[in-house]
Amino acid sequence: MLASPVRVELLWVLARQECDVGTLAELAGATLTTTSQHLARLRLAGLVSVRREGKRHVYLVDDPHVVSLVEQAIDHHDDLRRRAAAQAVQAVQAVQAASQLEGARP
């Protein structure tokens, strides 16, 4: 269910604010149709709720466990990116150090 980046983004937005489909589509950079399909799957899974305001359908995440899950997933992803960046910097520094050693040989 959370393998789709669009669904994760929709959950992330809805964990912070209630939105209608148009607003969610705009924020996620997806079409209305795609957004509606993802929201239907998220509703079926019980991850999001919907209420009517006149003709509008307003979506929300009202389960604190889902909010916590989304926040932990985003934090985990950010942590993985930071570690990968740090490892890349270390690899570049190791190559530079090795190159300097080779250049210093007589």
N, C-alpha and C. Protein backbone atom coordinates (compact mmCIF):
# COMPACT_ATOMS: atom_id res chain seq x y z
N MET A 1 0.82 -1.20 0.00
CA MET A 1 0.00 0.00 0.00
C MET A 1 0.87 1.26 0.00
N LEU A 2 1.97 1.25 0.75
CA LEU A 2 2.81 2.44 0.84
C LEU A 2 3.99 2.40 -0.12
N ALA A 3 3.95 1.49 -1.08
CA ALA A 3 5.03 1.41 -2.07
C ALA A 3 4.94 2.54 -3.09
N SER A 4 3.78 3.16 -3.20
CA SER A 4 3.59 4.25 -4.17
C SER A 4 4.01 5.57 -3.55
N PRO A 5 4.96 6.27 -4.17
CA PRO A 5 5.36 7.58 -3.66
C PRO A 5 4.19 8.58 -3.59
N VAL A 6 3.27 8.48 -4.54
CA VAL A 6 2.13 9.40 -4.53
C VAL A 6 1.28 9.14 -3.29
N ARG A 7 1.04 7.88 -2.95
CA ARG A 7 0.23 7.57 -1.76
C ARG A 7 0.91 8.05 -0.49
N VAL A 8 2.21 7.87 -0.41
CA VAL A 8 2.94 8.33 0.77
C VAL A 8 2.84 9.85 0.87
N GLU A 9 2.97 10.53 -0.27
CA GLU A 9 2.87 11.99 -0.24
C GLU A 9 1.46 12.43 0.16
N LEU A 10 0.44 11.75 -0.35
CA LEU A 10 -0.93 12.08 0.04
C LEU A 10 -1.12 11.89 1.54
N LEU A 11 -0.63 10.79 2.07
CA LEU A 11 -0.74 10.55 3.51
C LEU A 11 0.02 11.62 4.30
N TRP A 12 1.19 11.99 3.81
CA TRP A 12 2.01 12.99 4.50
C TRP A 12 1.26 14.32 4.57
N VAL A 13 0.66 14.73 3.45
CA VAL A 13 -0.11 15.99 3.42
C VAL A 13 -1.31 15.88 4.35
N LEU A 14 -2.05 14.77 4.24
CA LEU A 14 -3.28 14.61 5.03
C LEU A 14 -3.00 14.44 6.52
N ALA A 15 -1.81 14.02 6.87
CA ALA A 15 -1.44 13.91 8.28
C ALA A 15 -1.29 15.29 8.90
N ARG A 16 -1.13 16.31 8.05
CA ARG A 16 -0.92 17.67 8.52
C ARG A 16 -2.13 18.58 8.32
N GLN A 17 -2.96 18.27 7.33
CA GLN A 17 -4.11 19.12 7.06
C GLN A 17 -5.16 18.36 6.27
N GLU A 18 -6.38 18.79 6.40
CA GLU A 18 -7.47 18.23 5.62
C GLU A 18 -7.47 18.89 4.25
N CYS A 19 -7.77 18.12 3.20
CA CYS A 19 -7.75 18.66 1.84
C CYS A 19 -8.81 18.01 0.98
N ASP A 20 -9.21 18.74 -0.06
CA ASP A 20 -10.07 18.14 -1.07
C ASP A 20 -9.19 17.54 -2.17
N VAL A 21 -9.81 16.83 -3.09
CA VAL A 21 -9.06 16.12 -4.13
C VAL A 21 -8.25 17.07 -4.99
N GLY A 22 -8.83 18.20 -5.36
CA GLY A 22 -8.12 19.15 -6.21
C GLY A 22 -6.85 19.67 -5.57
N THR A 23 -6.95 20.03 -4.31
CA THR A 23 -5.77 20.52 -3.59
C THR A 23 -4.72 19.43 -3.47
N LEU A 24 -5.16 18.21 -3.14
CA LEU A 24 -4.21 17.09 -3.02
C LEU A 24 -3.53 16.81 -4.36
N ALA A 25 -4.29 16.83 -5.44
CA ALA A 25 -3.71 16.57 -6.76
C ALA A 25 -2.64 17.61 -7.08
N GLU A 26 -2.95 18.87 -6.79
CA GLU A 26 -1.99 19.94 -7.05
C GLU A 26 -0.73 19.77 -6.21
N LEU A 27 -0.89 19.48 -4.93
CA LEU A 27 0.27 19.31 -4.04
C LEU A 27 1.11 18.11 -4.41
N ALA A 28 0.47 17.05 -4.87
CA ALA A 28 1.19 15.82 -5.23
C ALA A 28 1.71 15.85 -6.66
N GLY A 29 1.27 16.83 -7.44
CA GLY A 29 1.71 16.89 -8.83
C GLY A 29 1.11 15.77 -9.66
N ALA A 30 -0.10 15.38 -9.32
CA ALA A 30 -0.77 14.28 -10.02
C ALA A 30 -2.09 14.78 -10.61
N THR A 31 -2.67 13.99 -11.49
CA THR A 31 -3.97 14.35 -12.05
C THR A 31 -5.06 14.09 -11.02
N LEU A 32 -6.22 14.68 -11.27
CA LEU A 32 -7.37 14.43 -10.39
C LEU A 32 -7.74 12.95 -10.39
N THR A 33 -7.72 12.34 -11.57
CA THR A 33 -8.09 10.92 -11.68
C THR A 33 -7.13 10.04 -10.88
N THR A 34 -5.84 10.27 -11.06
CA THR A 34 -4.83 9.49 -10.34
C THR A 34 -4.97 9.68 -8.83
N THR A 35 -5.14 10.92 -8.43
CA THR A 35 -5.29 11.23 -7.00
C THR A 35 -6.52 10.55 -6.43
N SER A 36 -7.63 10.63 -7.14
CA SER A 36 -8.87 9.98 -6.69
C SER A 36 -8.70 8.48 -6.54
N GLN A 37 -8.00 7.86 -7.50
CA GLN A 37 -7.77 6.42 -7.43
C GLN A 37 -6.91 6.04 -6.23
N HIS A 38 -5.88 6.83 -5.97
CA HIS A 38 -5.03 6.56 -4.80
C HIS A 38 -5.82 6.76 -3.51
N LEU A 39 -6.62 7.81 -3.45
CA LEU A 39 -7.43 8.05 -2.26
C LEU A 39 -8.43 6.93 -2.02
N ALA A 40 -9.00 6.39 -3.08
CA ALA A 40 -9.94 5.27 -2.94
C ALA A 40 -9.23 4.06 -2.32
N ARG A 41 -8.01 3.80 -2.75
CA ARG A 41 -7.25 2.67 -2.18
C ARG A 41 -6.89 2.93 -0.72
N LEU A 42 -6.50 4.17 -0.43
CA LEU A 42 -6.16 4.52 0.95
C LEU A 42 -7.38 4.43 1.86
N ARG A 43 -8.53 4.84 1.35
CA ARG A 43 -9.78 4.71 2.13
C ARG A 43 -10.12 3.26 2.37
N LEU A 44 -9.99 2.44 1.33
CA LEU A 44 -10.29 1.02 1.45
C LEU A 44 -9.39 0.35 2.50
N ALA A 45 -8.15 0.81 2.57
CA ALA A 45 -7.21 0.27 3.55
C ALA A 45 -7.43 0.85 4.94
N GLY A 46 -8.31 1.85 5.06
CA GLY A 46 -8.59 2.45 6.35
C GLY A 46 -7.54 3.47 6.79
N LEU A 47 -6.74 3.94 5.85
CA LEU A 47 -5.68 4.89 6.21
C LEU A 47 -6.14 6.34 6.16
N VAL A 48 -7.16 6.63 5.35
CA VAL A 48 -7.71 7.98 5.30
C VAL A 48 -9.23 7.92 5.45
N SER A 49 -9.78 9.02 5.88
CA SER A 49 -11.23 9.16 6.02
C SER A 49 -11.69 10.30 5.12
N VAL A 50 -12.99 10.36 4.89
CA VAL A 50 -13.54 11.43 4.06
C VAL A 50 -14.82 11.93 4.70
N ARG A 51 -15.04 13.23 4.57
CA ARG A 51 -16.31 13.80 5.00
C ARG A 51 -16.76 14.79 3.95
N ARG A 52 -18.04 15.03 3.92
CA ARG A 52 -18.60 15.95 2.92
C ARG A 52 -18.76 17.34 3.52
N GLU A 53 -18.41 18.32 2.71
CA GLU A 53 -18.69 19.73 3.02
C GLU A 53 -19.42 20.27 1.80
N GLY A 54 -20.73 20.22 1.85
CA GLY A 54 -21.51 20.61 0.68
C GLY A 54 -21.26 19.62 -0.44
N LYS A 55 -20.74 20.11 -1.56
CA LYS A 55 -20.43 19.23 -2.70
C LYS A 55 -19.01 18.69 -2.65
N ARG A 56 -18.21 19.24 -1.77
CA ARG A 56 -16.79 18.82 -1.67
C ARG A 56 -16.63 17.61 -0.79
N HIS A 57 -15.67 16.77 -1.15
CA HIS A 57 -15.22 15.68 -0.29
C HIS A 57 -13.89 16.11 0.32
N VAL A 58 -13.84 16.14 1.62
CA VAL A 58 -12.61 16.55 2.31
C VAL A 58 -11.98 15.31 2.94
N TYR A 59 -10.72 15.08 2.61
CA TYR A 59 -10.00 13.90 3.09
C TYR A 59 -9.13 14.27 4.27
N LEU A 60 -8.94 13.31 5.18
CA LEU A 60 -8.13 13.53 6.37
C LEU A 60 -7.60 12.21 6.90
N VAL A 61 -6.55 12.32 7.68
CA VAL A 61 -6.03 11.18 8.44
C VAL A 61 -6.37 11.49 9.88
N ASP A 62 -7.26 10.68 10.46
CA ASP A 62 -7.67 10.96 11.83
C ASP A 62 -7.20 9.90 12.82
N ASP A 63 -6.36 8.99 12.36
CA ASP A 63 -5.82 7.94 13.23
C ASP A 63 -4.39 8.32 13.61
N PRO A 64 -4.13 8.55 14.90
CA PRO A 64 -2.78 8.96 15.30
C PRO A 64 -1.72 7.91 14.97
N HIS A 65 -2.11 6.65 14.87
CA HIS A 65 -1.15 5.61 14.50
C HIS A 65 -0.69 5.78 13.05
N VAL A 66 -1.60 6.15 12.17
CA VAL A 66 -1.25 6.39 10.77
C VAL A 66 -0.34 7.61 10.67
N VAL A 67 -0.66 8.66 11.40
CA VAL A 67 0.17 9.86 11.40
C VAL A 67 1.59 9.50 11.85
N SER A 68 1.69 8.74 12.93
CA SER A 68 2.99 8.32 13.45
C SER A 68 3.74 7.47 12.43
N LEU A 69 3.05 6.56 11.78
CA LEU A 69 3.66 5.70 10.77
C LEU A 69 4.23 6.52 9.63
N VAL A 70 3.46 7.48 9.14
CA VAL A 70 3.92 8.33 8.03
C VAL A 70 5.13 9.14 8.47
N GLU A 71 5.08 9.74 9.63
CA GLU A 71 6.20 10.55 10.12
C GLU A 71 7.45 9.70 10.28
N GLN A 72 7.30 8.49 10.81
CA GLN A 72 8.46 7.61 10.97
C GLN A 72 9.03 7.18 9.62
N ALA A 73 8.17 6.91 8.66
CA ALA A 73 8.65 6.52 7.32
C ALA A 73 9.42 7.67 6.67
N ILE A 74 8.91 8.89 6.78
CA ILE A 74 9.59 10.05 6.20
C ILE A 74 10.92 10.28 6.92
N ASP A 75 10.93 10.21 8.24
CA ASP A 75 12.17 10.37 9.01
C ASP A 75 13.20 9.31 8.63
N HIS A 76 12.73 8.08 8.47
CA HIS A 76 13.63 6.98 8.10
C HIS A 76 14.25 7.24 6.72
N HIS A 77 13.43 7.66 5.79
CA HIS A 77 13.92 7.96 4.44
C HIS A 77 14.95 9.09 4.48
N ASP A 78 14.67 10.14 5.24
CA ASP A 78 15.61 11.26 5.37
C ASP A 78 16.93 10.79 5.98
N ASP A 79 16.85 9.91 6.98
CA ASP A 79 18.04 9.39 7.63
C ASP A 79 18.88 8.56 6.63
N LEU A 80 18.21 7.73 5.83
CA LEU A 80 18.92 6.94 4.83
C LEU A 80 19.63 7.84 3.82
N ARG A 81 18.96 8.92 3.41
CA ARG A 81 19.58 9.84 2.46
C ARG A 81 20.79 10.53 3.07
N ARG A 82 20.69 10.94 4.34
CA ARG A 82 21.83 11.59 5.00
C ARG A 82 23.02 10.63 5.11
N ARG A 83 22.74 9.38 5.47
CA ARG A 83 23.83 8.41 5.59
C ARG A 83 24.47 8.12 4.24
N ALA A 84 23.66 8.00 3.19
CA ALA A 84 24.20 7.76 1.85
C ALA A 84 25.07 8.93 1.40
N ALA A 85 24.63 10.15 1.69
CA ALA A 85 25.41 11.33 1.33
C ALA A 85 26.74 11.35 2.09
N ALA A 86 26.70 11.01 3.37
CA ALA A 86 27.93 10.99 4.17
C ALA A 86 28.89 9.93 3.65
N GLN A 87 28.38 8.78 3.25
CA GLN A 87 29.22 7.71 2.71
C GLN A 87 29.84 8.13 1.38
N ALA A 88 29.08 8.85 0.57
CA ALA A 88 29.61 9.33 -0.70
C ALA A 88 30.74 10.32 -0.48
N VAL A 89 30.58 11.20 0.49
CA VAL A 89 31.63 12.18 0.81
C VAL A 89 32.88 11.44 1.29
N GLN A 90 32.71 10.45 2.14
CA GLN A 90 33.86 9.67 2.63
C GLN A 90 34.57 8.95 1.49
N ALA A 91 33.82 8.43 0.55
CA ALA A 91 34.42 7.73 -0.59
C ALA A 91 35.23 8.69 -1.44
N VAL A 92 34.71 9.88 -1.68
CA VAL A 92 35.42 10.89 -2.47
C VAL A 92 36.70 11.30 -1.73
N GLN A 93 36.59 11.50 -0.43
CA GLN A 93 37.77 11.89 0.35
C GLN A 93 38.83 10.79 0.33
N ALA A 94 38.41 9.54 0.37
CA ALA A 94 39.36 8.42 0.32
C ALA A 94 40.08 8.38 -1.03
N VAL A 95 39.36 8.62 -2.10
CA VAL A 95 39.96 8.63 -3.44
C VAL A 95 40.94 9.79 -3.55
N GLN A 96 40.54 10.96 -3.02
CA GLN A 96 41.43 12.12 -3.08
C GLN A 96 42.70 11.88 -2.27
N ALA A 97 42.56 11.28 -1.10
CA ALA A 97 43.72 10.98 -0.26
C ALA A 97 44.65 9.99 -0.96
N ALA A 98 44.09 8.97 -1.57
CA ALA A 98 44.90 7.98 -2.28
C ALA A 98 45.62 8.63 -3.46
N SER A 99 44.98 9.51 -4.14
CA SER A 99 45.56 10.19 -5.27
C SER A 99 46.70 11.10 -4.84
N GLN A 100 46.55 11.75 -3.69
CA GLN A 100 47.60 12.62 -3.16
C GLN A 100 48.82 11.78 -2.77
N LEU A 101 48.57 10.60 -2.19
CA LEU A 101 49.67 9.72 -1.81
C LEU A 101 50.44 9.25 -3.03
N GLU A 102 49.74 8.92 -4.09
CA GLU A 102 50.39 8.46 -5.32
C GLU A 102 51.19 9.59 -5.94
N GLY A 103 50.66 10.83 -5.87
CA GLY A 103 51.38 11.97 -6.42
C GLY A 103 52.60 12.34 -5.61
N ALA A 104 52.66 11.95 -4.34
CA ALA A 104 53.79 12.29 -3.47
C ALA A 104 54.92 11.27 -3.59
N ARG A 105 54.68 10.16 -4.26
CA ARG A 105 55.74 9.13 -4.43
C ARG A 105 56.79 9.62 -5.40
N PRO A 106 58.06 9.28 -5.08
CA PRO A 106 59.16 9.69 -5.98
C PRO A 106 59.22 8.86 -7.23
